[in-house]
Amino acid sequence: MDTSVPIIPRALSDADNALVRRAKTGDFEAFEELVSRHERGVYSLAMNMLRQRQDAEDVVQTSFLSAFENLGRFREEAAFGTWVRKIAVHAALKVIRTRKKARIVSLKHAAEAEKGSVPHPAFIAEWRDPSEVMDRKRLQETLDQGMCALPEKQRLVFVLRDIEGLSVREAARLLAISEGNVKVRLLRARLALREKLTRVFGREGGGILPAHPHEQRRSTSAQALLRSYRRRGRVKS
């Protein structure tokens, strides 16, 4: 399902709304509770985009400070968690533009064309259940390594689309690229991540599975693992 905002559980959203209303009256403890509820999710988002702890921590602080300063203008049409995450996305993109300003044109004004066909992964095998080969901690480390290995432009699209659940249009607007570029980068990211993880979870002698969506006839454990990773990124604290 294609949604324009991350999924926020109804009960969490209702509780947040009550805290927001209290915070707007000057109840700082209510705002501290909002921070406690959402700082882990915002930090996870920032780390996925920036891959550096200090930068991610700075984004968390900047995002909640901005949310506090602009709380009076928050109209509560969206969930607080969604709102503060969008603030964090903008803050993280600002960090990325700062990193790049000495060597490339900023993301906001970059215009590039995606050329060529999407490369077919060299190795796609049947996947084993991750629990067969490693514990949960090792699984998370492997997933994070796969994310880190993605080119930045692919990783950003993957984070915004598959982890944060933004629509193609929203991701294109935030990254200042075309919707077509979003789709191509996302497909390349998914294939690259799937190929990398397959090298860990592939069953010996399991054969090669088609990698392109139009060739896929059934859901595979590879797809299930990617869905699990996207759900892990959406867990709210």
Protein backbone atom coordinates (compact mmCIF):
# COMPACT_ATOMS: atom_id res chain seq x y z
CA MET A 1 0.00 0.00 0.00
CA ASP A 2 1.35 3.38 -0.98
CA THR A 3 0.94 5.94 1.78
CA SER A 4 2.20 9.50 2.05
CA VAL A 5 3.01 9.33 5.76
CA PRO A 6 4.43 6.74 8.16
CA ILE A 7 1.86 4.51 9.85
CA ILE A 8 1.10 5.71 13.40
CA PRO A 9 -0.96 3.39 15.65
CA ARG A 10 -4.33 4.97 16.57
CA ALA A 11 -3.87 4.58 20.33
CA LEU A 12 -0.41 6.18 20.18
CA SER A 13 -1.72 9.03 18.04
CA ASP A 14 -4.63 9.72 20.42
CA ALA A 15 -2.30 9.77 23.42
CA ASP A 16 0.07 12.08 21.55
CA ASN A 17 -2.76 14.49 20.75
CA ALA A 18 -3.57 14.85 24.44
CA LEU A 19 0.09 15.53 25.20
CA VAL A 20 0.31 18.06 22.36
CA ARG A 21 -2.65 20.00 23.70
CA ARG A 22 -1.06 20.09 27.16
CA ALA A 23 2.31 21.13 25.73
CA LYS A 24 0.68 23.99 23.85
CA THR A 25 -0.50 25.43 27.17
CA GLY A 26 3.10 25.52 28.42
CA ASP A 27 3.29 22.09 30.06
CA PHE A 28 6.92 21.24 29.34
CA GLU A 29 6.63 17.82 30.99
CA ALA A 30 4.05 16.89 28.37
CA PHE A 31 6.48 17.80 25.61
CA GLU A 32 9.23 15.80 27.32
CA GLU A 33 6.89 12.81 27.19
CA LEU A 34 6.42 13.35 23.45
CA VAL A 35 10.20 13.38 23.06
CA SER A 36 10.49 10.17 25.07
CA ARG A 37 7.88 8.48 22.87
CA HIS A 38 9.43 9.43 19.54
CA GLU A 39 13.15 10.10 19.94
CA ARG A 40 14.16 6.50 19.18
CA GLY A 41 12.18 6.48 15.95
CA VAL A 42 13.60 9.85 14.89
CA TYR A 43 17.13 8.69 15.72
CA SER A 44 16.64 5.51 13.66
CA LEU A 45 15.45 7.59 10.71
CA ALA A 46 18.41 9.96 10.99
CA MET A 47 20.92 7.11 11.28
CA ASN A 48 19.47 5.38 8.23
CA MET A 49 19.87 8.57 6.22
CA LEU A 50 23.21 9.82 7.56
CA ARG A 51 25.09 6.74 8.80
CA GLN A 52 27.01 8.81 11.36
CA ARG A 53 26.09 8.78 15.04
CA GLN A 54 27.01 12.37 15.85
CA ASP A 55 25.11 13.76 12.86
CA ALA A 56 22.08 11.62 13.73
CA GLU A 57 22.10 12.82 17.34
CA ASP A 58 22.33 16.42 16.14
CA VAL A 59 19.33 15.88 13.87
CA VAL A 60 17.31 14.48 16.77
CA GLN A 61 18.08 17.53 18.90
CA THR A 62 17.44 19.96 16.04
CA SER A 63 14.16 18.26 15.12
CA PHE A 64 12.65 18.30 18.59
CA LEU A 65 13.85 21.86 19.22
CA SER A 66 12.18 22.93 15.98
CA ALA A 67 9.02 21.03 16.94
CA PHE A 68 8.94 22.74 20.33
CA GLU A 69 9.47 26.20 18.84
CA ASN A 70 6.76 25.65 16.22
CA LEU A 71 4.30 23.69 18.33
CA GLY A 72 1.79 26.53 18.28
CA ARG A 73 1.59 26.22 14.50
CA PHE A 74 1.06 22.45 14.57
CA ARG A 75 -2.56 22.03 13.48
CA GLU A 76 -2.82 18.36 14.51
CA GLU A 77 -4.08 17.33 11.07
CA ALA A 78 -1.39 14.64 11.07
CA ALA A 79 0.01 12.62 13.94
CA PHE A 80 2.73 14.29 16.00
CA GLY A 81 5.10 11.43 15.17
CA THR A 82 4.58 11.99 11.45
CA TRP A 83 5.13 15.73 11.82
CA VAL A 84 8.37 15.47 13.79
CA ARG A 85 9.72 12.81 11.40
CA LYS A 86 9.17 15.13 8.45
CA ILE A 87 11.07 17.82 10.34
CA ALA A 88 13.86 15.27 10.86
CA VAL A 89 13.95 14.37 7.15
CA HIS A 90 14.47 18.02 6.25
CA ALA A 91 17.15 18.38 8.94
CA ALA A 92 18.98 15.27 7.71
CA LEU A 93 18.87 16.44 4.10
CA LYS A 94 20.36 19.75 5.22
CA VAL A 95 23.27 17.85 6.76
CA ILE A 96 23.75 15.93 3.53
CA ARG A 97 23.76 19.12 1.48
CA THR A 98 26.34 20.62 3.83
CA ARG A 99 28.54 17.56 3.41
CA LYS A 100 28.39 17.82 -0.35
CA LYS A 101 28.54 21.55 -0.97
CA ALA A 102 32.33 21.56 -1.48
CA ARG A 103 32.23 18.86 -4.17
CA ILE A 104 28.81 18.60 -5.81
CA VAL A 105 25.71 20.66 -6.45
CA SER A 106 23.30 20.53 -3.53
CA LEU A 107 20.47 17.99 -3.59
CA LYS A 108 17.91 20.76 -3.80
CA HIS A 109 19.15 21.99 -7.16
CA ALA A 110 20.63 18.80 -8.58
CA ALA A 111 19.11 17.56 -11.81
CA GLU A 112 20.22 14.25 -13.11
CA ALA A 113 18.88 11.68 -15.50
CA GLU A 114 18.88 8.01 -14.64
CA LYS A 115 20.23 6.18 -17.71
CA GLY A 116 20.44 2.55 -18.65
CA SER A 117 18.49 -0.42 -17.51
CA VAL A 118 18.41 -1.75 -13.98
CA PRO A 119 21.26 -4.27 -13.65
CA HIS A 120 20.26 -7.86 -12.99
CA PRO A 121 21.83 -9.07 -9.72
CA ALA A 122 24.56 -11.63 -10.24
CA PHE A 123 23.48 -13.90 -7.42
CA ILE A 124 19.89 -14.55 -6.32
CA ALA A 125 19.27 -17.84 -4.54
CA GLU A 126 16.53 -19.31 -2.40
CA TRP A 127 16.76 -17.86 1.09
CA ARG A 128 16.91 -19.72 4.34
CA ASP A 129 15.02 -18.60 7.41
CA PRO A 130 17.43 -16.09 9.04
CA SER A 131 16.92 -17.81 12.39
CA GLU A 132 18.63 -20.88 10.89
CA VAL A 133 21.95 -19.10 10.41
CA MET A 134 22.29 -16.32 12.94
CA ASP A 135 20.76 -14.76 16.01
CA ARG A 136 18.65 -11.63 15.99
CA LYS A 137 21.54 -9.29 16.76
CA ARG A 138 23.60 -10.67 13.88
CA LEU A 139 20.58 -10.36 11.56
CA GLN A 140 20.17 -6.68 12.41
CA GLU A 141 23.89 -6.09 11.88
CA THR A 142 23.71 -7.73 8.45
CA LEU A 143 20.72 -5.63 7.44
CA ASP A 144 22.40 -2.45 8.60
CA GLN A 145 25.56 -3.35 6.70
CA GLY A 146 23.50 -3.85 3.58
CA MET A 147 21.91 -0.43 4.00
CA CYS A 148 25.29 1.21 4.61
CA ALA A 149 26.70 -0.33 1.43
CA LEU A 150 24.03 1.27 -0.77
CA PRO A 151 25.01 4.42 -2.70
CA GLU A 152 23.68 7.44 -0.85
CA LYS A 153 21.11 8.42 -3.48
CA GLN A 154 19.65 4.90 -3.41
CA ARG A 155 19.76 4.65 0.38
CA LEU A 156 17.86 7.91 0.84
CA VAL A 157 15.06 6.79 -1.46
CA PHE A 158 14.93 3.38 0.25
CA VAL A 159 14.70 5.01 3.69
CA LEU A 160 11.96 7.44 2.68
CA ARG A 161 9.89 4.96 0.68
CA ASP A 162 10.32 1.55 2.30
CA ILE A 163 11.14 2.44 5.89
CA GLU A 164 9.28 5.72 6.43
CA GLY A 165 6.46 4.84 4.04
CA LEU A 166 6.38 8.12 2.10
CA SER A 167 4.75 8.19 -1.32
CA VAL A 168 6.74 8.45 -4.53
CA ARG A 169 5.55 12.04 -4.91
CA GLU A 170 6.56 12.98 -1.34
CA ALA A 171 9.99 11.41 -1.67
CA ALA A 172 10.54 13.15 -5.02
CA ARG A 173 9.60 16.50 -3.51
CA LEU A 174 11.90 16.10 -0.50
CA LEU A 175 14.86 14.97 -2.62
CA ALA A 176 14.17 17.42 -5.45
CA ILE A 177 14.24 14.71 -8.12
CA SER A 178 11.64 13.37 -10.53
CA GLU A 179 9.17 10.64 -9.53
CA GLY A 180 10.73 8.47 -12.23
CA ASN A 181 14.13 8.80 -10.60
CA VAL A 182 12.60 7.81 -7.25
CA LYS A 183 11.21 4.62 -8.76
CA VAL A 184 14.44 3.68 -10.50
CA ARG A 185 16.62 4.36 -7.44
CA LEU A 186 14.24 2.41 -5.22
CA LEU A 187 14.29 -0.60 -7.53
CA ARG A 188 18.08 -0.52 -7.70
CA ALA A 189 18.30 -0.23 -3.90
CA ARG A 190 15.93 -3.15 -3.36
CA LEU A 191 17.78 -5.36 -5.81
CA ALA A 192 21.21 -4.46 -4.42
CA LEU A 193 20.08 -5.07 -0.83
CA ARG A 194 18.35 -8.30 -1.74
CA GLU A 195 21.44 -9.56 -3.56
CA LYS A 196 23.73 -8.71 -0.64
CA LEU A 197 21.49 -10.42 1.88
CA THR A 198 21.03 -13.42 -0.39
CA ARG A 199 24.76 -14.05 -0.18
CA VAL A 200 24.26 -14.54 3.57
CA PHE A 201 20.90 -16.35 3.58
CA GLY A 202 21.03 -18.25 0.27
CA ARG A 203 20.42 -21.95 0.61
CA GLU A 204 23.24 -24.04 -0.80
CA GLY A 205 22.11 -25.75 -3.97
CA GLY A 206 18.82 -23.88 -3.81
CA GLY A 207 19.06 -22.58 -7.35
CA ILE A 208 18.63 -19.13 -8.79
CA LEU A 209 15.42 -17.17 -8.47
CA PRO A 210 14.39 -14.44 -10.94
CA ALA A 211 15.25 -11.02 -9.54
CA HIS A 212 12.97 -8.72 -11.53
CA PRO A 213 9.39 -8.12 -10.30
CA HIS A 214 7.77 -9.08 -13.62
CA GLU A 215 9.61 -12.42 -13.47
CA GLN A 216 8.59 -13.19 -9.90
CA ARG A 217 5.62 -15.56 -9.63
CA ARG A 218 5.31 -15.96 -5.88
CA SER A 219 6.34 -14.35 -2.63
CA THR A 220 9.73 -15.56 -1.44
CA SER A 221 11.47 -15.55 1.91
CA ALA A 222 13.70 -12.81 0.47
CA GLN A 223 10.68 -10.59 0.03
CA ALA A 224 9.47 -11.52 3.51
CA LEU A 225 12.80 -10.47 5.03
CA LEU A 226 12.70 -7.11 3.26
CA ARG A 227 9.16 -6.56 4.51
CA SER A 228 10.36 -7.40 8.01
CA TYR A 229 13.14 -4.83 7.66
CA ARG A 230 10.68 -2.15 6.56
CA ARG A 231 8.42 -2.94 9.52
CA ARG A 232 11.42 -2.74 11.88
CA GLY A 233 12.12 0.77 10.63
CA ARG A 234 8.54 1.83 11.36
CA VAL A 235 8.40 0.71 14.99
CA LYS A 236 7.46 3.64 17.15
CA SER A 237 8.95 4.09 20.58
